[in-house]
Amino acid sequence: QVQLVESGGGLVQAGGSLRLSCAASGSIFSINDMGWYRQTPGRQRELVATITTGGSTNYADSVKGRFTISRDNAKNTVYLQMDSLKPEDTAVYYCNARVITILALNYWGQGTQVTVSS
């Protein structure tokens, strides 16, 4: 059984910063890509940023230059540093990891709310 547990969401004023963390635990052999996605009511979940095991990153255009994704492979943890936050960044943020156990499966965290006030 694999679990992804997120932390770090909350309420912040526009222009502020938050740092999200997501730790994977359980019967893990290794983890390939990890990433962050977000969702607002009535809309599809959208990619925010991804990072490979080797550290290559990919960002949505809307967050480039403001958000930074990183990971600690020894701790099976992925981070999302969010700076210069805007009200339109308000969403539930989910972490995702492709975890290798017996199989290679995608796992999702439970989600953490980020609210940016204007």
Protein backbone atom coordinates (compact mmCIF):
# COMPACT_ATOMS: atom_id res chain seq x y z
CA GLN A 1 0.00 0.00 0.00
CA VAL A 2 1.32 3.42 -1.00
CA GLN A 3 0.19 6.74 0.45
CA LEU A 4 0.93 10.31 -0.61
CA VAL A 5 0.42 12.86 2.16
CA GLU A 6 0.38 16.56 1.31
CA SER A 7 0.92 19.50 3.61
CA GLY A 8 1.49 23.24 3.44
CA GLY A 9 -1.70 24.63 1.97
CA GLY A 10 -3.54 27.57 3.47
CA LEU A 11 -4.70 31.14 3.06
CA VAL A 12 -2.32 33.80 1.80
CA GLN A 13 -2.61 37.31 0.40
CA ALA A 14 -1.84 38.04 -3.22
CA GLY A 15 1.89 38.41 -3.72
CA GLY A 16 2.66 36.05 -0.89
CA SER A 17 4.29 32.61 -0.83
CA LEU A 18 3.47 29.08 0.21
CA ARG A 19 5.43 25.84 0.12
CA LEU A 20 3.66 22.55 -0.44
CA SER A 21 5.15 19.20 0.49
CA CYS A 22 4.11 15.68 -0.47
CA ALA A 23 5.68 12.61 1.10
CA ALA A 24 5.22 9.12 -0.30
CA SER A 25 5.28 6.13 2.04
CA GLY A 26 4.63 2.42 1.91
CA SER A 27 6.07 -0.49 -0.06
CA ILE A 28 8.01 1.60 -2.54
CA PHE A 29 10.78 0.24 -4.72
CA SER A 30 11.34 3.53 -6.53
CA ILE A 31 9.48 6.57 -7.81
CA ASN A 32 9.63 7.89 -11.35
CA ASP A 33 8.00 11.22 -12.21
CA MET A 34 6.39 13.29 -9.47
CA GLY A 35 4.18 16.31 -9.95
CA TRP A 36 1.60 18.78 -8.77
CA TYR A 37 -1.83 19.35 -10.26
CA ARG A 38 -4.65 21.66 -9.24
CA GLN A 39 -8.42 21.76 -9.59
CA THR A 40 -11.14 24.34 -9.08
CA PRO A 41 -14.88 23.60 -8.89
CA GLY A 42 -16.39 22.78 -12.26
CA ARG A 43 -13.05 22.51 -14.02
CA GLN A 44 -10.77 19.64 -14.95
CA ARG A 45 -7.66 18.93 -12.94
CA GLU A 46 -4.72 20.69 -14.61
CA LEU A 47 -0.99 20.17 -14.54
CA VAL A 48 1.03 22.66 -12.52
CA ALA A 49 4.53 21.17 -12.60
CA THR A 50 6.33 17.85 -12.92
CA ILE A 51 9.82 16.64 -12.11
CA THR A 52 11.71 13.52 -13.17
CA THR A 53 13.96 11.40 -10.98
CA GLY A 54 16.91 13.19 -12.51
CA GLY A 55 15.50 16.63 -11.78
CA SER A 56 14.18 17.71 -15.16
CA THR A 57 11.18 19.96 -14.71
CA ASN A 58 8.12 21.03 -16.65
CA TYR A 59 5.76 23.88 -15.77
CA ALA A 60 2.39 25.16 -16.89
CA ASP A 61 2.78 28.51 -18.64
CA SER A 62 0.62 30.17 -16.00
CA VAL A 63 3.11 29.43 -13.20
CA LYS A 64 6.48 29.70 -14.99
CA GLY A 65 8.80 32.05 -13.16
CA ARG A 66 6.67 32.00 -9.99
CA PHE A 67 6.55 28.33 -8.91
CA THR A 68 9.47 25.95 -8.36
CA ILE A 69 9.16 22.19 -8.09
CA SER A 70 11.85 20.12 -6.40
CA ARG A 71 12.23 16.68 -4.87
CA ASP A 72 14.25 14.79 -2.30
CA ASN A 73 14.64 11.26 -3.64
CA ALA A 74 16.01 9.96 -0.34
CA LYS A 75 12.84 11.09 1.42
CA ASN A 76 10.42 10.23 -1.42
CA THR A 77 9.17 13.79 -1.15
CA VAL A 78 8.23 16.43 -3.71
CA TYR A 79 7.90 20.15 -2.99
CA LEU A 80 6.23 23.09 -4.67
CA GLN A 81 7.49 26.54 -3.78
CA MET A 82 4.85 29.06 -4.83
CA ASP A 83 5.85 32.72 -4.95
CA SER A 84 4.07 35.84 -6.20
CA LEU A 85 0.76 34.10 -5.70
CA LYS A 86 -2.31 35.40 -7.51
CA PRO A 87 -6.01 34.95 -6.72
CA GLU A 88 -6.32 32.76 -9.81
CA ASP A 89 -3.92 30.28 -8.17
CA THR A 90 -6.68 29.45 -5.69
CA ALA A 91 -7.43 25.72 -6.03
CA VAL A 92 -7.08 22.33 -4.42
CA TYR A 93 -3.56 21.14 -5.14
CA TYR A 94 -2.87 17.43 -5.59
CA CYS A 95 0.46 15.66 -5.77
CA ASN A 96 1.01 12.74 -8.09
CA ALA A 97 3.72 10.12 -8.24
CA ARG A 98 4.43 7.19 -10.51
CA VAL A 99 5.48 4.60 -7.95
CA ILE A 100 7.22 1.34 -8.69
CA THR A 101 6.22 -1.48 -6.37
CA ILE A 102 5.44 -4.80 -8.04
CA LEU A 103 3.81 -2.70 -10.75
CA ALA A 104 4.21 0.90 -11.92
CA LEU A 105 1.12 2.81 -10.83
CA ASN A 106 0.10 6.44 -10.50
CA TYR A 107 -0.89 7.55 -7.02
CA TRP A 108 -2.60 10.75 -5.90
CA GLY A 109 -2.55 12.63 -2.64
CA GLN A 110 -5.73 13.71 -0.88
CA GLY A 111 -5.38 17.34 -1.92
CA THR A 112 -4.59 20.52 -0.03
CA GLN A 113 -6.49 23.79 -0.35
CA VAL A 114 -4.62 26.92 -1.41
CA THR A 115 -6.57 30.17 -1.19
CA VAL A 116 -5.11 33.47 -2.38
CA SER A 117 -6.98 36.58 -1.34
CA SER A 118 -6.87 39.81 -3.32
